[in-house]
Amino acid sequence: MKTNNKYLNKVFELIEKRNENEPEFLQAAYEVLMTLKPVIDNNPDFEKKALLERLTEPERLITFRVPWVDDNGQVHVNRGYRVQFNGAIGPYKGGLRFHPSVNRSIMKFLAFEQCFKNALTGLPIGGGKGGSDFDPKGKSDNEIMRFCQSFMNELYRHIGQDVDVPAGDIGVGAREIGYLFGQYRKLKNVYEAGVLTGKGLEYGGSLARKEATGYGLIYFMREMLKANSMNLDGKTVLISGSGNVAIYACEKAQQYGAKVVAMSDSNGCIYDANGIKIDVIKQIKEVERGRIKEYASRVSGSEYIETTDVRPIWRIKADIALPCATQNEINLDDAKALVANGIRAVGEGANMPTNLEAIEYFLSNGILLAPAKAANAGGVATSALEMSQNSMRYSWSFDEVDKKLDGIMTNIFNMCAKAAKEYAEPTNYVAGANIAAFDKLYKAMDAQGII
């Protein structure tokens, strides 16, 4: 990738050489650095201080072995990760992902994105991420408990409520956080409630944490649409995924009068022209841990469409698309199909769900795009609120947390809009988010010296 900025080109060459087998990390780094070009052009001092080189290199990358025993007595070995990318603003903060796709590249891209996302919240948290290539699907509770305990046997050495505070992500929910916290407490012989977030309400969790990422996405979308003379009321919405983020984005979108007509999982999507019945989705996914195709057999008039070589959900006509499943789930062909079907806005609920070609296509066609590092920051923001409550040994009501979340997401949008207007195009919130976060990150790094 080449620009007319020599320093940027030098940094691109360096990160390509150092991370040549890490496509997800390179994608995330390119997307951020390209949008920062107007800021970098105006600050020649950045090169002397190697600011971008430091920004794109994690402070610490930990890899470890995770042996565990299944219910039949067979020993398995997985690989664990924790990437502590940037702690200039506060303790490293970011989730743990348990999924077969987890590797060094994905962990680094997620941790890099987390640095910017956390900076946007305005809260004192740095960026990190972790996880394992362990697959929790089909495992018994006892198998998951044994894996989590083995994982924490190494991770505990590297975390702490003032050091690094993990949370959940794909494959890591309240059950897994409970097992991880219990093992940490046993190993450390201390009740350090703020060391993990996403905990159960019975032992230091926060109300509204489960809903926060999905709700926060809709709060950001509300502000973005309002700034462009639109709203959610009466709009037709597609939401990929059917996990925590997708479920609560659907719930909040419906509260604002939107009609959500499709949701999905890794096998396919359901389409309900009358509007998704969120209580049925919750029963299938949160209670039964089933597959989304079961919705079609329970709700008359709905249909299930299996995924083949394309993602069928992005071929459905709608006003708004909310990708809430995983990275790179919208490619250029998907973007073209969405635009052809009249999409007007896209809100990223997952981390980096839209690839670079698709982002460029959306922006060049006047589609409003709410970038993940801004639009899905509600989860980590509420995690930081959970940390605050743990420090105070106090808990706020659901409405108190939700009101704080709404305020944080509104402020994030305003920051993105201001930076976009100053450095890019008024509706280029991708650039706005990166620039607003970078402004805070580089000032914190610069103030603390060359470390």
Protein backbone atom coordinates (compact mmCIF):
# COMPACT_ATOMS: atom_id res chain seq x y z
CA MET A 1 0.00 0.00 0.00
CA LYS A 2 1.47 3.34 -1.06
CA THR A 3 0.66 6.96 -0.25
CA ASN A 4 2.35 10.30 -0.95
CA ASN A 5 3.54 10.40 2.68
CA LYS A 6 7.04 8.92 2.98
CA TYR A 7 6.71 8.22 6.68
CA LEU A 8 3.46 6.29 6.21
CA ASN A 9 5.02 4.27 3.39
CA LYS A 10 7.98 3.41 5.62
CA VAL A 11 5.66 2.26 8.39
CA PHE A 12 3.57 0.18 5.95
CA GLU A 13 6.71 -1.58 4.73
CA LEU A 14 7.84 -2.25 8.28
CA ILE A 15 4.57 -3.73 9.51
CA GLU A 16 4.24 -5.84 6.35
CA LYS A 17 7.72 -7.26 6.95
CA ARG A 18 7.11 -7.93 10.64
CA ASN A 19 3.58 -9.30 10.25
CA GLU A 20 3.58 -10.86 6.79
CA ASN A 21 1.52 -13.90 7.87
CA GLU A 22 -1.05 -11.90 9.81
CA PRO A 23 -3.68 -10.68 7.30
CA GLU A 24 -6.28 -9.58 9.86
CA PHE A 25 -3.79 -7.46 11.76
CA LEU A 26 -2.45 -5.90 8.55
CA GLN A 27 -5.99 -5.11 7.44
CA ALA A 28 -6.77 -3.37 10.74
CA ALA A 29 -3.50 -1.43 10.70
CA TYR A 30 -3.97 -0.26 7.09
CA GLU A 31 -7.57 0.84 7.72
CA VAL A 32 -6.51 2.97 10.67
CA LEU A 33 -3.28 4.41 9.30
CA MET A 34 -4.74 5.42 5.93
CA THR A 35 -7.43 7.50 7.64
CA LEU A 36 -4.81 9.14 9.87
CA LYS A 37 -2.90 10.53 6.90
CA PRO A 38 -4.20 14.15 7.25
CA VAL A 39 -3.03 14.22 10.87
CA ILE A 40 0.32 12.65 10.07
CA ASP A 41 0.91 15.07 7.17
CA ASN A 42 0.64 17.96 9.63
CA ASN A 43 2.95 16.47 12.29
CA PRO A 44 6.47 15.72 11.00
CA ASP A 45 7.57 15.20 14.60
CA PHE A 46 5.78 11.82 14.64
CA GLU A 47 8.52 10.22 12.52
CA LYS A 48 11.34 11.39 14.77
CA LYS A 49 9.54 9.86 17.76
CA ALA A 50 8.62 6.67 15.81
CA LEU A 51 5.07 7.19 17.01
CA LEU A 52 3.37 4.96 14.43
CA GLU A 53 5.95 2.21 14.87
CA ARG A 54 5.22 2.17 18.60
CA LEU A 55 1.48 2.44 18.02
CA THR A 56 1.40 -0.67 15.79
CA GLU A 57 3.65 -2.87 17.93
CA PRO A 58 2.07 -4.49 21.02
CA GLU A 59 3.69 -3.78 24.34
CA ARG A 60 3.45 -7.45 25.23
CA LEU A 61 2.24 -10.61 23.48
CA ILE A 62 1.81 -13.70 25.64
CA THR A 63 1.28 -17.19 24.18
CA PHE A 64 0.83 -20.29 26.33
CA ARG A 65 -0.16 -23.96 26.35
CA VAL A 66 -3.59 -24.94 27.71
CA PRO A 67 -3.90 -28.69 28.45
CA TRP A 68 -7.28 -30.04 29.60
CA VAL A 69 -9.08 -33.36 30.02
CA ASP A 70 -12.42 -34.20 28.40
CA ASP A 71 -15.20 -36.27 29.96
CA ASN A 72 -13.74 -39.48 28.51
CA GLY A 73 -10.33 -38.89 30.08
CA GLN A 74 -8.68 -37.79 26.82
CA VAL A 75 -6.13 -35.00 27.15
CA HIS A 76 -6.30 -32.09 24.69
CA VAL A 77 -3.91 -29.19 24.19
CA ASN A 78 -5.01 -25.75 22.99
CA ARG A 79 -3.11 -22.51 22.59
CA GLY A 80 -3.86 -19.47 24.73
CA TYR A 81 -3.14 -15.81 24.01
CA ARG A 82 -3.14 -12.44 25.71
CA VAL A 83 -2.09 -9.36 23.76
CA GLN A 84 -1.44 -6.30 25.94
CA PHE A 85 -1.26 -3.78 23.14
CA ASN A 86 -1.26 -0.32 24.68
CA GLY A 87 -1.55 0.72 28.33
CA ALA A 88 -0.96 4.47 27.97
CA ILE A 89 -4.51 5.42 29.00
CA GLY A 90 -5.15 2.79 31.67
CA PRO A 91 -5.07 -0.95 32.50
CA TYR A 92 -5.26 -3.17 29.43
CA LYS A 93 -8.92 -3.93 28.77
CA GLY A 94 -10.48 -6.30 26.26
CA GLY A 95 -12.30 -9.59 25.93
CA LEU A 96 -11.35 -13.24 25.70
CA ARG A 97 -12.46 -15.17 22.60
CA PHE A 98 -12.77 -18.98 22.56
CA HIS A 99 -13.16 -20.05 18.92
CA PRO A 100 -11.30 -22.41 16.52
CA SER A 101 -10.34 -19.44 14.30
CA VAL A 102 -8.32 -17.75 17.04
CA ASN A 103 -4.69 -17.20 16.11
CA ARG A 104 -1.96 -14.61 16.62
CA SER A 105 -3.18 -12.38 13.76
CA ILE A 106 -6.77 -12.25 14.98
CA MET A 107 -5.69 -11.59 18.55
CA LYS A 108 -3.44 -8.73 17.47
CA PHE A 109 -6.04 -7.12 15.22
CA LEU A 110 -8.64 -7.27 17.99
CA ALA A 111 -6.24 -5.82 20.56
CA PHE A 112 -5.18 -3.04 18.17
CA GLU A 113 -8.81 -2.12 17.48
CA GLN A 114 -9.49 -2.23 21.21
CA CYS A 115 -6.93 0.51 21.87
CA PHE A 116 -8.88 2.93 19.67
CA LYS A 117 -12.28 1.78 20.86
CA ASN A 118 -11.36 2.19 24.51
CA ALA A 119 -9.86 5.63 23.87
CA LEU A 120 -13.19 6.74 22.37
CA THR A 121 -15.12 5.84 25.52
CA GLY A 122 -13.39 8.63 27.43
CA LEU A 123 -12.74 6.16 30.26
CA PRO A 124 -9.28 5.30 31.67
CA ILE A 125 -8.72 1.95 29.95
CA GLY A 126 -5.96 0.72 27.65
CA GLY A 127 -6.28 -1.90 24.91
CA GLY A 128 -5.81 -5.65 25.04
CA LYS A 129 -7.37 -8.91 23.85
CA GLY A 130 -6.96 -12.61 24.42
CA GLY A 131 -8.42 -16.03 23.93
CA SER A 132 -7.82 -19.53 22.65
CA ASP A 133 -8.48 -21.79 19.65
CA PHE A 134 -10.64 -23.91 21.97
CA ASP A 135 -14.17 -24.56 20.65
CA PRO A 136 -16.83 -24.51 23.40
CA LYS A 137 -19.55 -25.82 21.04
CA GLY A 138 -20.67 -29.31 21.98
CA LYS A 139 -18.63 -29.36 25.19
CA SER A 140 -20.17 -30.24 28.55
CA ASP A 141 -20.20 -27.77 31.43
CA ASN A 142 -17.52 -29.83 33.17
CA GLU A 143 -15.27 -29.81 30.10
CA ILE A 144 -15.62 -26.05 29.77
CA MET A 145 -14.92 -25.62 33.48
CA ARG A 146 -11.74 -27.70 33.25
CA PHE A 147 -10.58 -25.77 30.19
CA CYS A 148 -11.24 -22.40 31.83
CA GLN A 149 -9.38 -23.45 34.96
CA SER A 150 -6.36 -24.57 32.92
CA PHE A 151 -6.47 -21.35 30.88
CA MET A 152 -6.50 -19.25 34.05
CA ASN A 153 -3.62 -21.27 35.56
CA GLU A 154 -1.36 -19.32 33.20
CA LEU A 155 -3.35 -16.15 32.53
CA TYR A 156 -3.54 -15.16 36.22
CA ARG A 157 0.18 -14.25 36.20
CA HIS A 158 -0.45 -11.48 33.70
CA ILE A 159 -3.71 -9.83 34.81
CA GLY A 160 -5.05 -7.80 37.73
CA GLN A 161 -7.62 -5.08 38.34
CA ASP A 162 -4.92 -2.40 37.94
CA VAL A 163 -2.93 -4.31 35.31
CA ASP A 164 -5.13 -6.05 32.73
CA VAL A 165 -8.88 -6.70 32.94
CA PRO A 166 -10.28 -9.32 30.53
CA ALA A 167 -13.97 -9.77 29.73
CA GLY A 168 -16.05 -11.99 27.46
CA ASP A 169 -16.20 -12.16 23.67
CA ILE A 170 -17.23 -14.85 21.18
CA GLY A 171 -17.48 -18.17 23.03
CA VAL A 172 -16.98 -16.58 26.44
CA GLY A 173 -20.15 -15.68 28.29
CA ALA A 174 -21.25 -15.52 31.91
CA ARG A 175 -20.60 -19.24 32.44
CA GLU A 176 -17.00 -19.05 31.26
CA ILE A 177 -16.32 -15.80 33.14
CA GLY A 178 -17.59 -17.49 36.32
CA TYR A 179 -15.22 -20.43 35.95
CA LEU A 180 -12.31 -18.12 35.12
CA PHE A 181 -13.02 -15.87 38.09
CA GLY A 182 -13.33 -18.79 40.49
CA GLN A 183 -9.95 -20.17 39.47
CA TYR A 184 -8.32 -16.73 39.68
CA ARG A 185 -9.70 -16.30 43.21
CA LYS A 186 -8.37 -19.70 44.23
CA LEU A 187 -4.92 -19.09 42.76
CA LYS A 188 -4.50 -15.59 44.17
CA ASN A 189 -6.36 -16.15 47.46
CA VAL A 190 -7.90 -12.69 47.13
CA TYR A 191 -11.34 -11.39 46.17
CA GLU A 192 -10.30 -9.01 43.43
CA ALA A 193 -13.69 -8.39 41.82
CA GLY A 194 -12.38 -5.90 39.24
CA VAL A 195 -10.02 -8.38 37.57
CA LEU A 196 -12.71 -9.64 35.17
CA THR A 197 -15.85 -7.98 33.82
CA GLY A 198 -19.04 -9.55 32.55
CA LYS A 199 -19.42 -11.30 35.90
CA GLY A 200 -22.70 -12.57 37.32
CA LEU A 201 -24.75 -10.10 39.34
CA GLU A 202 -24.26 -12.28 42.42
CA TYR A 203 -20.51 -11.60 42.58
CA GLY A 204 -19.80 -8.11 41.29
CA GLY A 205 -21.32 -7.94 37.83
CA SER A 206 -23.12 -4.91 36.47
CA LEU A 207 -26.71 -4.58 35.42
CA ALA A 208 -27.07 -3.77 31.69
CA ARG A 209 -23.69 -5.34 30.84
CA LYS A 210 -25.31 -8.13 28.84
CA GLU A 211 -27.32 -5.65 26.83
CA ALA A 212 -24.62 -2.99 26.52
CA THR A 213 -22.92 -3.72 23.17
CA GLY A 214 -26.19 -4.17 21.30
CA TYR A 215 -27.91 -1.25 23.00
CA GLY A 216 -24.84 0.93 22.48
CA LEU A 217 -24.81 0.13 18.77
CA ILE A 218 -28.37 1.36 18.45
CA TYR A 219 -27.68 4.51 20.49
CA PHE A 220 -24.81 5.34 18.11
CA MET A 221 -26.99 4.58 15.07
CA ARG A 222 -29.74 6.80 16.47
CA GLU A 223 -27.33 9.72 16.72
CA MET A 224 -25.79 9.09 13.30
CA LEU A 225 -29.18 8.88 11.61
CA LYS A 226 -30.44 11.95 13.47
CA ALA A 227 -27.42 13.96 12.30
CA ASN A 228 -28.38 13.03 8.74
CA SER A 229 -32.12 13.80 9.08
CA MET A 230 -33.21 10.17 9.53
CA ASN A 231 -34.39 7.91 12.35
CA LEU A 232 -34.99 4.24 13.13
CA ASP A 233 -38.78 4.39 13.25
CA GLY A 234 -40.30 2.34 10.45
CA LYS A 235 -36.94 1.27 8.99
CA THR A 236 -36.36 -2.34 7.87
CA VAL A 237 -33.26 -3.81 9.50
CA LEU A 238 -30.98 -6.83 8.87
CA ILE A 239 -28.89 -8.10 11.81
CA SER A 240 -26.29 -10.79 11.24
CA GLY A 241 -25.51 -13.05 14.15
CA SER A 242 -27.77 -14.21 16.94
CA GLY A 243 -25.46 -13.93 19.92
CA ASN A 244 -25.38 -11.35 22.65
CA VAL A 245 -24.72 -8.30 20.46
CA ALA A 246 -27.27 -9.21 17.79
CA ILE A 247 -30.04 -10.09 20.26
CA TYR A 248 -29.88 -6.82 22.17
CA ALA A 249 -29.34 -4.71 19.08
CA CYS A 250 -32.56 -6.27 17.79
CA GLU A 251 -34.38 -5.60 21.05
CA LYS A 252 -33.35 -1.94 21.23
CA ALA A 253 -33.95 -1.31 17.50
CA GLN A 254 -37.48 -2.63 17.92
CA GLN A 255 -38.01 -0.30 20.89
CA TYR A 256 -37.22 2.59 18.55
CA GLY A 257 -39.81 1.39 16.05
CA ALA A 258 -37.59 -0.44 13.56
CA LYS A 259 -38.68 -3.71 11.96
CA VAL A 260 -35.90 -6.31 12.18
CA VAL A 261 -36.65 -8.90 9.49
CA ALA A 262 -33.55 -11.14 9.50
CA MET A 263 -30.97 -12.63 11.85
CA SER A 264 -28.41 -15.38 11.30
CA ASP A 265 -25.84 -17.82 12.64
CA SER A 266 -22.92 -19.55 10.97
CA ASN A 267 -25.18 -21.97 9.06
CA GLY A 268 -27.77 -19.61 7.61
CA CYS A 269 -30.33 -16.90 8.28
CA ILE A 270 -34.00 -16.59 9.15
CA TYR A 271 -36.31 -14.13 7.40
CA ASP A 272 -39.54 -12.94 8.97
CA ALA A 273 -41.31 -10.23 6.97
CA ASN A 274 -43.57 -9.51 9.94
CA GLY A 275 -40.61 -8.70 12.19
CA ILE A 276 -38.41 -10.99 14.27
CA LYS A 277 -39.96 -12.19 17.53
CA ILE A 278 -37.06 -11.51 19.87
CA ASP A 279 -38.50 -13.61 22.72
CA VAL A 280 -38.32 -16.70 20.46
CA ILE A 281 -34.70 -15.90 19.52
CA LYS A 282 -33.79 -15.51 23.20
CA GLN A 283 -35.36 -18.86 24.05
CA ILE A 284 -33.50 -20.66 21.25
CA LYS A 285 -30.10 -19.01 21.69
CA GLU A 286 -29.84 -18.01 25.36
CA VAL A 287 -31.81 -20.82 27.01
CA GLU A 288 -31.58 -23.81 24.69
CA ARG A 289 -28.26 -22.88 23.03
CA GLY A 290 -29.78 -24.08 19.76
CA ARG A 291 -29.42 -23.16 16.10
CA ILE A 292 -31.33 -20.28 14.56
CA LYS A 293 -33.04 -22.49 11.96
CA GLU A 294 -35.35 -23.66 14.75
CA TYR A 295 -37.04 -20.24 14.59
CA ALA A 296 -38.63 -21.14 11.23
CA SER A 297 -40.34 -24.19 12.72
CA ARG A 298 -41.79 -22.16 15.59
CA VAL A 299 -42.94 -18.96 13.87
CA SER A 300 -45.38 -19.29 10.98
CA GLY A 301 -44.66 -17.19 7.92
CA SER A 302 -40.90 -17.14 8.54
CA GLU A 303 -38.29 -19.00 6.50
CA TYR A 304 -34.77 -20.34 6.95
CA ILE A 305 -32.17 -19.76 4.20
CA GLU A 306 -29.00 -21.83 4.39
CA THR A 307 -25.63 -20.20 3.75
CA THR A 308 -23.87 -21.47 0.63
CA ASP A 309 -21.15 -19.55 -1.21
CA VAL A 310 -22.77 -16.23 -0.26
CA ARG A 311 -24.29 -14.87 2.93
CA PRO A 312 -28.02 -14.80 2.17
CA ILE A 313 -28.80 -12.20 4.82
CA TRP A 314 -27.03 -9.49 2.79
CA ARG A 315 -29.26 -10.23 -0.23
CA ILE A 316 -32.47 -9.20 1.57
CA LYS A 317 -33.93 -5.77 0.81
CA ALA A 318 -33.68 -3.41 3.79
CA ASP A 319 -32.89 0.13 4.94
CA ILE A 320 -30.25 -0.64 7.56
CA ALA A 321 -27.70 -3.46 7.97
CA LEU A 322 -26.11 -4.30 11.32
CA PRO A 323 -23.31 -6.88 10.96
CA CYS A 324 -23.01 -8.34 14.48
CA ALA A 325 -21.40 -11.74 13.88
CA THR A 326 -17.66 -11.74 13.17
CA GLN A 327 -14.82 -10.14 11.22
CA ASN A 328 -14.96 -9.73 7.41
CA GLU A 329 -18.54 -10.92 7.04
CA ILE A 330 -19.30 -8.21 4.46
CA ASN A 331 -17.13 -8.32 1.33
CA LEU A 332 -17.35 -6.22 -1.83
CA ASP A 333 -20.02 -8.42 -3.42
CA ASP A 334 -22.11 -8.22 -0.24
CA ALA A 335 -21.73 -4.44 -0.20
CA LYS A 336 -22.82 -4.17 -3.82
CA ALA A 337 -25.87 -6.33 -3.11
CA LEU A 338 -26.82 -4.22 -0.10
CA VAL A 339 -26.48 -0.94 -2.01
CA ALA A 340 -28.46 -2.34 -4.95
CA ASN A 341 -31.24 -3.28 -2.52
CA GLY A 342 -31.51 0.23 -1.14
CA ILE A 343 -29.47 0.08 2.08
CA ARG A 344 -28.95 3.55 3.56
CA ALA A 345 -26.85 2.90 6.67
CA VAL A 346 -24.58 0.20 8.09
CA GLY A 347 -23.71 -0.17 11.78
CA GLU A 348 -20.85 -2.46 12.75
CA GLY A 349 -21.75 -4.43 15.87
CA ALA A 350 -18.98 -6.99 15.38
CA ASN A 351 -15.27 -6.20 15.26
CA MET A 352 -14.09 -5.32 11.72
CA PRO A 353 -17.05 -7.04 10.01
CA THR A 354 -16.59 -5.08 6.75
CA ASN A 355 -13.49 -5.58 4.63
CA LEU A 356 -11.55 -2.67 3.14
CA GLU A 357 -13.06 -2.95 -0.35
CA ALA A 358 -16.57 -2.99 1.08
CA ILE A 359 -15.86 0.02 3.31
CA GLU A 360 -14.63 2.00 0.32
CA TYR A 361 -17.69 0.96 -1.71
CA PHE A 362 -20.11 2.02 1.01
CA LEU A 363 -18.43 5.40 1.47
CA SER A 364 -18.17 6.09 -2.26
CA ASN A 365 -21.89 5.37 -2.62
CA GLY A 366 -22.95 7.71 0.16
CA ILE A 367 -23.86 4.98 2.64
CA LEU A 368 -23.63 6.04 6.29
CA LEU A 369 -21.17 3.68 7.99
CA ALA A 370 -20.87 3.46 11.78
CA PRO A 371 -17.41 1.87 12.38
CA ALA A 372 -17.02 -0.91 14.93
CA LYS A 373 -14.45 0.80 17.12
CA ALA A 374 -17.05 3.52 17.79
CA ALA A 375 -20.41 1.82 17.32
CA ASN A 376 -19.73 -1.32 19.38
CA ALA A 377 -17.84 0.43 22.19
CA GLY A 378 -20.84 0.14 24.51
CA GLY A 379 -19.76 -3.24 25.82
CA VAL A 380 -16.30 -2.20 26.95
CA ALA A 381 -17.67 1.13 28.22
CA THR A 382 -20.09 -0.72 30.50
CA SER A 383 -17.28 -3.08 31.51
CA ALA A 384 -15.37 0.00 32.67
CA LEU A 385 -18.48 1.06 34.59
CA GLU A 386 -18.48 -2.40 36.17
CA MET A 387 -14.86 -1.84 37.22
CA SER A 388 -15.89 1.47 38.81
CA GLN A 389 -18.69 -0.21 40.75
CA ASN A 390 -16.28 -2.92 41.93
CA SER A 391 -13.84 -0.27 43.14
CA MET A 392 -16.62 1.44 45.09
CA ARG A 393 -18.08 -1.88 46.30
CA TYR A 394 -21.39 -0.56 45.08
CA SER A 395 -23.85 -1.21 42.26
CA TRP A 396 -26.00 1.07 40.14
CA SER A 397 -29.51 0.30 38.92
CA PHE A 398 -30.15 -0.87 35.35
CA ASP A 399 -31.53 2.54 34.41
CA GLU A 400 -28.51 4.34 35.89
CA VAL A 401 -26.06 2.20 33.90
CA ASP A 402 -28.15 2.44 30.74
CA LYS A 403 -28.32 6.24 31.04
CA LYS A 404 -24.53 6.43 31.44
CA LEU A 405 -24.14 4.13 28.42
CA ASP A 406 -26.44 6.30 26.31
CA GLY A 407 -24.41 9.38 27.27
CA ILE A 408 -21.10 7.68 26.43
CA MET A 409 -22.34 6.52 23.00
CA THR A 410 -23.76 9.95 22.20
CA ASN A 411 -20.44 11.53 23.13
CA ILE A 412 -18.55 9.00 20.98
CA PHE A 413 -20.66 9.90 17.97
CA ASN A 414 -20.10 13.61 18.56
CA MET A 415 -16.32 13.06 18.75
CA CYS A 416 -16.36 11.06 15.50
CA ALA A 417 -18.52 13.66 13.74
CA LYS A 418 -16.28 16.52 14.86
CA ALA A 419 -13.07 14.82 13.72
CA ALA A 420 -14.64 13.77 10.42
CA LYS A 421 -15.72 17.33 9.70
CA GLU A 422 -12.27 18.71 10.55
CA TYR A 423 -10.05 16.19 8.78
CA ALA A 424 -12.12 14.25 6.23
CA GLU A 425 -15.69 14.35 4.91
CA PRO A 426 -18.51 15.29 7.32
CA THR A 427 -20.11 11.83 7.05
CA ASN A 428 -16.89 9.77 7.00
CA TYR A 429 -17.28 8.43 10.53
CA VAL A 430 -14.67 5.72 9.84
CA ALA A 431 -11.98 8.39 9.56
CA GLY A 432 -13.60 10.40 12.35
CA ALA A 433 -13.44 7.51 14.81
CA ASN A 434 -9.81 6.69 14.03
CA ILE A 435 -8.67 10.30 14.23
CA ALA A 436 -10.56 11.10 17.45
CA ALA A 437 -9.16 8.01 19.18
CA PHE A 438 -5.65 8.58 17.83
CA ASP A 439 -5.64 12.13 19.17
CA LYS A 440 -6.11 10.84 22.70
CA LEU A 441 -3.75 7.88 22.31
CA TYR A 442 -0.79 9.74 20.88
CA LYS A 443 -1.04 12.55 23.43
CA ALA A 444 -0.99 10.02 26.28
CA MET A 445 1.93 8.14 24.73
CA ASP A 446 3.86 11.34 24.05
CA ALA A 447 3.39 12.61 27.61
CA GLN A 448 4.86 9.39 29.05
CA GLY A 449 8.06 9.39 27.06
CA ILE A 450 9.70 6.79 24.84
CA ILE A 451 8.61 3.54 26.46
